[in-house]
PDB file of N, CA and C in Angstrom:
ATOM      1  N   MET A   1      20.369 -32.055  26.363  1.00  0.00           N
ATOM      2  CA  MET A   1      20.231 -31.142  25.296  1.00  0.00           C
ATOM      3  C   MET A   1      18.628 -30.745  25.317  1.00  0.00           C
ATOM      4  N   LYS A   2      17.448 -32.335  25.378  1.00  0.00           N
ATOM      5  CA  LYS A   2      16.381 -32.059  25.292  1.00  0.00           C
ATOM      6  C   LYS A   2      15.549 -31.483  26.482  1.00  0.00           C
ATOM      7  N   ASN A   3      16.568 -30.831  27.483  1.00  0.00           N
ATOM      8  CA  ASN A   3      15.766 -30.372  28.622  1.00  0.00           C
ATOM      9  C   ASN A   3      15.556 -28.344  28.412  1.00  0.00           C
ATOM     10  N   ARG A   4      16.420 -28.042  27.137  1.00  0.00           N
ATOM     11  CA  ARG A   4      16.550 -26.648  26.861  1.00  0.00           C
ATOM     12  C   ARG A   4      15.345 -26.300  26.022  1.00  0.00           C
ATOM     13  N   PRO A   5      14.859 -24.894  26.516  1.00  0.00           N
ATOM     14  CA  PRO A   5      13.216 -24.645  25.926  1.00  0.00           C
ATOM     15  C   PRO A   5      13.728 -24.404  24.463  1.00  0.00           C
ATOM     16  N   ASN A   6      12.652 -24.559  23.528  1.00  0.00           N
ATOM     17  CA  ASN A   6      12.915 -24.289  22.407  1.00  0.00           C
ATOM     18  C   ASN A   6      12.712 -22.558  22.149  1.00  0.00           C
ATOM     19  N   PRO A   7      13.450 -22.140  21.289  1.00  0.00           N
ATOM     20  CA  PRO A   7      13.176 -20.368  21.204  1.00  0.00           C
ATOM     21  C   PRO A   7      12.496 -20.328  20.339  1.00  0.00           C
ATOM     22  N   MET A   8      11.949 -21.159  19.022  1.00  0.00           N
ATOM     23  CA  MET A   8      10.560 -20.370  18.382  1.00  0.00           C
ATOM     24  C   MET A   8       9.710 -21.293  18.934  1.00  0.00           C
ATOM     25  N   HIS A   9       9.465 -21.823  20.051  1.00  0.00           N
ATOM     26  CA  HIS A   9       8.405 -22.071  20.576  1.00  0.00           C
ATOM     27  C   HIS A   9       8.113 -21.210  21.990  1.00  0.00           C
ATOM     28  N   GLU A  10       8.821 -20.301  22.469  1.00  0.00           N
ATOM     29  CA  GLU A  10       8.806 -19.560  23.402  1.00  0.00           C
ATOM     30  C   GLU A  10       8.183 -18.290  22.214  1.00  0.00           C
ATOM     31  N   ALA A  11       8.969 -17.686  21.364  1.00  0.00           N
ATOM     32  CA  ALA A  11       8.666 -17.015  20.600  1.00  0.00           C
ATOM     33  C   ALA A  11       7.154 -16.900  19.910  1.00  0.00           C
ATOM     34  N   ARG A  12       6.126 -18.316  19.805  1.00  0.00           N
ATOM     35  CA  ARG A  12       5.065 -18.445  19.295  1.00  0.00           C
ATOM     36  C   ARG A  12       4.322 -18.321  20.453  1.00  0.00           C
ATOM     37  N   GLU A  13       4.784 -18.570  21.390  1.00  0.00           N
ATOM     38  CA  GLU A  13       3.786 -18.129  22.908  1.00  0.00           C
ATOM     39  C   GLU A  13       3.897 -16.758  23.005  1.00  0.00           C
ATOM     40  N   ALA A  14       4.552 -16.344  22.710  1.00  0.00           N
ATOM     41  CA  ALA A  14       4.866 -14.548  22.852  1.00  0.00           C
ATOM     42  C   ALA A  14       3.974 -14.053  21.972  1.00  0.00           C
ATOM     43  N   LEU A  15       4.174 -14.403  20.812  1.00  0.00           N
ATOM     44  CA  LEU A  15       2.913 -13.777  20.089  1.00  0.00           C
ATOM     45  C   LEU A  15       1.514 -14.053  20.024  1.00  0.00           C
ATOM     46  N   LYS A  16       1.475 -15.130  20.637  1.00  0.00           N
ATOM     47  CA  LYS A  16      -0.278 -15.565  21.105  1.00  0.00           C
ATOM     48  C   LYS A  16      -0.878 -14.024  22.205  1.00  0.00           C
ATOM     49  N   THR A  17      -0.110 -13.881  23.007  1.00  0.00           N
ATOM     50  CA  THR A  17      -0.276 -12.951  23.455  1.00  0.00           C
ATOM     51  C   THR A  17      -0.128 -11.381  23.652  1.00  0.00           C
ATOM     52  N   THR A  18       0.412 -11.056  22.190  1.00  0.00           N
ATOM     53  CA  THR A  18       0.541  -9.772  21.793  1.00  0.00           C
ATOM     54  C   THR A  18      -0.566  -9.048  21.528  1.00  0.00           C
ATOM     55  N   PRO A  19      -1.000  -7.938  20.910  1.00  0.00           N
ATOM     56  CA  PRO A  19      -2.398  -7.430  20.427  1.00  0.00           C
ATOM     57  C   PRO A  19      -2.254  -7.879  18.632  1.00  0.00           C
ATOM     58  N   LYS A  20      -3.244  -7.808  18.405  1.00  0.00           N
ATOM     59  CA  LYS A  20      -2.867  -8.251  16.760  1.00  0.00           C
ATOM     60  C   LYS A  20      -3.698  -6.976  16.093  1.00  0.00           C
ATOM     61  N   CYS A  21      -3.283  -7.651  14.783  1.00  0.00           N
ATOM     62  CA  CYS A  21      -3.740  -6.171  14.012  1.00  0.00           C
ATOM     63  C   CYS A  21      -5.227  -5.869  13.688  1.00  0.00           C
ATOM     64  N   LEU A  22      -5.479  -4.400  13.610  1.00  0.00           N
ATOM     65  CA  LEU A  22      -7.029  -3.989  13.443  1.00  0.00           C
ATOM     66  C   LEU A  22      -7.532  -4.395  12.116  1.00  0.00           C
ATOM     67  N   ALA A  23      -6.304  -4.530  10.919  1.00  0.00           N
ATOM     68  CA  ALA A  23      -7.359  -4.453   9.827  1.00  0.00           C
ATOM     69  C   ALA A  23      -7.988  -5.834   9.548  1.00  0.00           C
ATOM     70  N   HIS A  24      -8.431  -5.539   8.661  1.00  0.00           N
ATOM     71  CA  HIS A  24      -9.721  -6.835   7.997  1.00  0.00           C
ATOM     72  C   HIS A  24      -9.470  -7.266   6.412  1.00  0.00           C
ATOM     73  N   ALA A  25      -9.757  -8.347   6.004  1.00  0.00           N
ATOM     74  CA  ALA A  25      -9.761  -8.427   4.433  1.00  0.00           C
ATOM     75  C   ALA A  25     -10.890  -8.473   4.128  1.00  0.00           C
ATOM     76  N   ARG A  26     -10.628  -7.678   2.765  1.00  0.00           N
ATOM     77  CA  ARG A  26     -11.875  -7.200   2.037  1.00  0.00           C
ATOM     78  C   ARG A  26     -12.607  -8.265   1.478  1.00  0.00           C
ATOM     79  N   THR A  27     -12.002  -9.484   0.967  1.00  0.00           N
ATOM     80  CA  THR A  27     -12.921 -10.461   0.642  1.00  0.00           C
ATOM     81  C   THR A  27     -13.069 -11.591   1.243  1.00  0.00           C
ATOM     82  N   THR A  28     -12.336 -11.675   2.539  1.00  0.00           N
ATOM     83  CA  THR A  28     -12.802 -12.775   3.294  1.00  0.00           C
ATOM     84  C   THR A  28     -13.965 -12.219   4.914  1.00  0.00           C
ATOM     85  N   GLY A  29     -13.258 -11.255   5.077  1.00  0.00           N
ATOM     86  CA  GLY A  29     -13.799 -10.428   6.380  1.00  0.00           C
ATOM     87  C   GLY A  29     -12.967 -10.941   7.497  1.00  0.00           C
ATOM     88  N   LEU A  30     -12.026 -11.342   7.721  1.00  0.00           N
ATOM     89  CA  LEU A  30     -11.214 -11.862   8.720  1.00  0.00           C
ATOM     90  C   LEU A  30     -10.184 -11.265   8.924  1.00  0.00           C
ATOM     91  N   PRO A  31     -10.006 -10.672  10.208  1.00  0.00           N
ATOM     92  CA  PRO A  31      -8.875  -9.932  10.697  1.00  0.00           C
ATOM     93  C   PRO A  31      -7.538 -10.294  10.656  1.00  0.00           C
ATOM     94  N   CYS A  32      -6.582  -9.553  10.623  1.00  0.00           N
ATOM     95  CA  CYS A  32      -5.226  -9.432  10.172  1.00  0.00           C
ATOM     96  C   CYS A  32      -4.757 -10.405  11.548  1.00  0.00           C
ATOM     97  N   LYS A  33      -3.757 -11.690  11.240  1.00  0.00           N
ATOM     98  CA  LYS A  33      -3.037 -12.414  12.230  1.00  0.00           C
ATOM     99  C   LYS A  33      -1.770 -11.613  12.487  1.00  0.00           C
ATOM    100  N   ASN A  34      -1.229 -10.882  12.125  1.00  0.00           N
ATOM    101  CA  ASN A  34      -0.157 -10.246  12.282  1.00  0.00           C
ATOM    102  C   ASN A  34      -0.189  -9.616  14.098  1.00  0.00           C
ATOM    103  N   ALA A  35       1.222  -9.646  14.641  1.00  0.00           N
ATOM    104  CA  ALA A  35       1.304  -8.619  15.538  1.00  0.00           C
ATOM    105  C   ALA A  35       1.215  -7.248  15.262  1.00  0.00           C
ATOM    106  N   SER A  36       0.615  -6.221  16.027  1.00  0.00           N
ATOM    107  CA  SER A  36       0.422  -5.253  15.547  1.00  0.00           C
ATOM    108  C   SER A  36       1.412  -4.435  16.395  1.00  0.00           C
ATOM    109  N   MET A  37       1.923  -2.936  15.753  1.00  0.00           N
ATOM    110  CA  MET A  37       2.709  -2.378  16.357  1.00  0.00           C
ATOM    111  C   MET A  37       1.650  -1.275  17.266  1.00  0.00           C
ATOM    112  N   ALA A  38       2.447  -0.410  17.410  1.00  0.00           N
ATOM    113  CA  ALA A  38       1.613   1.017  18.775  1.00  0.00           C
ATOM    114  C   ALA A  38       1.142   2.013  18.202  1.00  0.00           C
ATOM    115  N   ASN A  39       0.654   1.634  17.040  1.00  0.00           N
ATOM    116  CA  ASN A  39      -0.596   2.184  16.299  1.00  0.00           C
ATOM    117  C   ASN A  39      -1.906   1.720  15.959  1.00  0.00           C
ATOM    118  N   GLY A  40      -1.571   0.369  16.392  1.00  0.00           N
ATOM    119  CA  GLY A  40      -2.920  -0.679  16.080  1.00  0.00           C
ATOM    120  C   GLY A  40      -2.845  -1.497  14.858  1.00  0.00           C
ATOM    121  N   ARG A  41      -1.660  -1.158  13.974  1.00  0.00           N
ATOM    122  CA  ARG A  41      -1.846  -2.312  13.103  1.00  0.00           C
ATOM    123  C   ARG A  41      -0.414  -2.554  13.006  1.00  0.00           C
ATOM    124  N   CYS A  42      -0.321  -3.623  11.891  1.00  0.00           N
ATOM    125  CA  CYS A  42       0.739  -4.320  11.510  1.00  0.00           C
ATOM    126  C   CYS A  42       1.941  -3.652  10.634  1.00  0.00           C
ATOM    127  N   ARG A  43       3.039  -3.983  10.032  1.00  0.00           N
ATOM    128  CA  ARG A  43       3.961  -3.123   9.263  1.00  0.00           C
ATOM    129  C   ARG A  43       3.187  -3.407   7.915  1.00  0.00           C
ATOM    130  N   MET A  44       2.256  -3.885   7.958  1.00  0.00           N
ATOM    131  CA  MET A  44       1.812  -4.103   6.422  1.00  0.00           C
ATOM    132  C   MET A  44       0.358  -3.748   6.110  1.00  0.00           C
ATOM    133  N   HIS A  45      -0.214  -2.890   7.042  1.00  0.00           N
ATOM    134  CA  HIS A  45      -1.641  -2.080   6.831  1.00  0.00           C
ATOM    135  C   HIS A  45      -1.545  -1.027   7.755  1.00  0.00           C
ATOM    136  N   GLY A  46      -0.145  -0.636   7.419  1.00  0.00           N
ATOM    137  CA  GLY A  46      -0.323   0.836   8.161  1.00  0.00           C
ATOM    138  C   GLY A  46       1.428   1.283   9.465  1.00  0.00           C
ATOM    139  N   GLY A  47       2.470   0.592   8.669  1.00  0.00           N
ATOM    140  CA  GLY A  47       3.412   0.897   9.116  1.00  0.00           C
ATOM    141  C   GLY A  47       3.847   2.130   9.236  1.00  0.00           C
ATOM    142  N   LYS A  48       5.169   2.448   9.233  1.00  0.00           N
ATOM    143  CA  LYS A  48       5.887   3.766   9.617  1.00  0.00           C
ATOM    144  C   LYS A  48       5.633   4.936   8.795  1.00  0.00           C
ATOM    145  N   SER A  49       5.759   4.558   7.609  1.00  0.00           N
ATOM    146  CA  SER A  49       5.754   5.221   5.837  1.00  0.00           C
ATOM    147  C   SER A  49       4.354   6.060   6.364  1.00  0.00           C
ATOM    148  N   THR A  50       4.272   6.997   6.124  1.00  0.00           N
ATOM    149  CA  THR A  50       3.034   8.374   6.368  1.00  0.00           C
ATOM    150  C   THR A  50       3.112   8.976   4.611  1.00  0.00           C
ATOM    151  N   GLY A  51       3.442   8.094   4.246  1.00  0.00           N
ATOM    152  CA  GLY A  51       3.805   8.330   2.608  1.00  0.00           C
ATOM    153  C   GLY A  51       4.230   8.986   1.891  1.00  0.00           C
ATOM    154  N   ARG A  52       4.604   9.396   0.476  1.00  0.00           N
ATOM    155  CA  ARG A  52       5.516  10.277   0.036  1.00  0.00           C
ATOM    156  C   ARG A  52       5.346  11.636   0.182  1.00  0.00           C
ATOM    157  N   SER A  53       6.741  12.557   0.985  1.00  0.00           N
ATOM    158  CA  SER A  53       6.497  13.892   1.264  1.00  0.00           C
ATOM    159  C   SER A  53       6.416  14.869  -0.191  1.00  0.00           C
ATOM    160  N   GLN A  54       5.923  15.696   0.139  1.00  0.00           N
ATOM    161  CA  GLN A  54       5.045  16.546  -0.545  1.00  0.00           C
ATOM    162  C   GLN A  54       6.145  17.844  -0.695  1.00  0.00           C
ATOM    163  N   THR A  55       7.355  17.747  -1.773  1.00  0.00           N
ATOM    164  CA  THR A  55       8.411  18.322  -1.283  1.00  0.00           C
ATOM    165  C   THR A  55       8.751  19.295  -2.888  1.00  0.00           C
ATOM    166  N   HIS A  56       8.125  18.608  -3.491  1.00  0.00           N
ATOM    167  CA  HIS A  56       8.363  19.305  -5.047  1.00  0.00           C
ATOM    168  C   HIS A  56       7.122  18.506  -6.216  1.00  0.00           C
ATOM    169  N   GLY A  57       6.586  19.482  -6.996  1.00  0.00           N
ATOM    170  CA  GLY A  57       5.834  18.625  -7.764  1.00  0.00           C
ATOM    171  C   GLY A  57       4.499  19.325  -8.132  1.00  0.00           C
ATOM    172  N   GLN A  58       3.076  19.288  -8.658  1.00  0.00           N
ATOM    173  CA  GLN A  58       2.207  20.172  -8.379  1.00  0.00           C
ATOM    174  C   GLN A  58       1.273  20.327  -6.951  1.00  0.00           C
ATOM    175  N   ARG A  59       1.783  19.637  -6.647  1.00  0.00           N
ATOM    176  CA  ARG A  59       0.829  19.674  -4.872  1.00  0.00           C
ATOM    177  C   ARG A  59       1.561  20.587  -3.642  1.00  0.00           C
ATOM    178  N   THR A  60       2.611  21.384  -3.813  1.00  0.00           N
ATOM    179  CA  THR A  60       3.078  21.802  -3.176  1.00  0.00           C
ATOM    180  C   THR A  60       2.685  22.984  -2.937  1.00  0.00           C
ATOM    181  N   VAL A  61       2.184  23.812  -1.628  1.00  0.00           N
ATOM    182  CA  VAL A  61       1.688  25.224  -1.246  1.00  0.00           C
ATOM    183  C   VAL A  61       1.879  26.496  -2.047  1.00  0.00           C
ATOM    184  N   GLU A  62       3.754  26.565  -2.297  1.00  0.00           N
ATOM    185  CA  GLU A  62       4.360  27.220  -3.178  1.00  0.00           C
ATOM    186  C   GLU A  62       3.794  26.879  -4.550  1.00  0.00           C
ATOM    187  N   ALA A  63       3.536  26.012  -5.159  1.00  0.00           N
ATOM    188  CA  ALA A  63       2.965  26.308  -6.475  1.00  0.00           C
ATOM    189  C   ALA A  63       1.560  26.154  -6.541  1.00  0.00           C
ATOM    190  N   LYS A  64       0.609  25.869  -5.582  1.00  0.00           N
ATOM    191  CA  LYS A  64      -0.460  26.265  -5.694  1.00  0.00           C
ATOM    192  C   LYS A  64      -0.652  28.128  -5.340  1.00  0.00           C
ATOM    193  N   LEU A  65      -0.084  28.468  -4.657  1.00  0.00           N
ATOM    194  CA  LEU A  65      -0.024  29.843  -4.335  1.00  0.00           C
ATOM    195  C   LEU A  65       0.288  30.892  -5.755  1.00  0.00           C
ATOM    196  N   GLU A  66       1.406  30.237  -6.331  1.00  0.00           N
ATOM    197  CA  GLU A  66       1.775  30.630  -7.672  1.00  0.00           C
ATOM    198  C   GLU A  66       0.598  30.983  -9.091  1.00  0.00           C
ATOM    199  N   ARG A  67       0.265  28.915  -8.654  1.00  0.00           N
ATOM    200  CA  ARG A  67      -0.989  29.232 -10.143  1.00  0.00           C
ATOM    201  C   ARG A  67      -2.359  30.122  -9.406  1.00  0.00           C
ATOM    202  N   ASN A  68      -2.739  30.037  -8.308  1.00  0.00           N
ATOM    203  CA  ASN A  68      -3.502  31.260  -8.108  1.00  0.00           C
ATOM    204  C   ASN A  68      -3.453  32.555  -7.899  1.00  0.00           C
ATOM    205  N   GLN A  69      -2.213  33.172  -8.171  1.00  0.00           N
ATOM    206  CA  GLN A  69      -1.560  34.124  -8.591  1.00  0.00           C
ATOM    207  C   GLN A  69      -1.724  34.620 -10.314  1.00  0.00           C
ATOM    208  N   VAL A  70      -1.383  33.437 -10.559  1.00  0.00           N
ATOM    209  CA  VAL A  70      -1.226  33.403 -11.998  1.00  0.00           C
ATOM    210  C   VAL A  70      -2.702  33.609 -12.428  1.00  0.00           C
ATOM    211  N   LYS A  71      -3.477  32.713 -12.109  1.00  0.00           N
ATOM    212  CA  LYS A  71      -5.066  32.618 -12.540  1.00  0.00           C
ATOM    213  C   LYS A  71      -5.679  34.023 -12.278  1.00  0.00           C
ATOM    214  N   ARG A  72      -5.526  35.064 -10.985  1.00  0.00           N
ATOM    215  CA  ARG A  72      -6.035  36.383 -10.901  1.00  0.00           C
ATOM    216  C   ARG A  72      -5.414  36.855 -11.902  1.00  0.00           C
ATOM    217  N   LEU A  73      -4.266  36.800 -11.989  1.00  0.00           N
ATOM    218  CA  LEU A  73      -3.470  38.019 -13.037  1.00  0.00           C
ATOM    219  C   LEU A  73      -4.093  37.815 -14.481  1.00  0.00           C
ATOM    220  N   ILE A  74      -4.762  36.512 -15.158  1.00  0.00           N
ATOM    221  CA  ILE A  74      -5.199  36.142 -16.528  1.00  0.00           C
ATOM    222  C   ILE A  74      -6.530  36.941 -16.176  1.00  0.00           C
ATOM    223  N   SER A  75      -7.143  36.748 -14.772  1.00  0.00           N
ATOM    224  CA  SER A  75      -8.520  37.312 -14.773  1.00  0.00           C
ATOM    225  C   SER A  75      -8.627  38.393 -14.858  1.00  0.00           C
ATOM    226  N   MET A  76      -7.761  39.351 -14.444  1.00  0.00           N
ATOM    227  CA  MET A  76      -7.552  40.560 -14.233  1.00  0.00           C
ATOM    228  C   MET A  76      -7.267  41.234 -16.017  1.00  0.00           C
ATOM    229  N   ILE A  77      -6.172  40.564 -16.654  1.00  0.00           N
ATOM    230  CA  ILE A  77      -6.034  40.836 -18.125  1.00  0.00           C
ATOM    231  C   ILE A  77      -7.420  40.637 -18.755  1.00  0.00           C
ATOM    232  N   ARG A  78      -8.156  39.645 -18.771  1.00  0.00           N
ATOM    233  CA  ARG A  78      -9.147  39.489 -19.764  1.00  0.00           C
ATOM    234  C   ARG A  78     -10.275  40.866 -19.188  1.00  0.00           C
ATOM    235  N   GLU A  79     -10.689  40.960 -18.282  1.00  0.00           N
ATOM    236  CA  GLU A  79     -11.050  42.094 -17.937  1.00  0.00           C
ATOM    237  C   GLU A  79     -10.870  43.553 -18.329  1.00  0.00           C
ATOM    238  N   LEU A  80      -9.610  43.631 -18.925  1.00  0.00           N
ATOM    239  CA  LEU A  80      -8.987  44.901 -19.246  1.00  0.00           C
ATOM    240  C   LEU A  80      -9.620  44.873 -21.028  1.00  0.00           C
TER     241      LEU A  80
END
């Protein structure tokens, strides 16, 4: 049993050769020690999420267009 390689040791050795995250800490300036993904950042500093989708609320394209139309109509009414 003692001759079998330790899987944790193999995993740690593999992590030493993987590229590291490119993020740096604000307070210490030290680089992040986590392994990076394809985008060069670890899962905590730029993972898969690109943010909340803008399918509703005040910032949708349709809402902006509608607000601009309303503003134009109000300005036209004020001119009359």
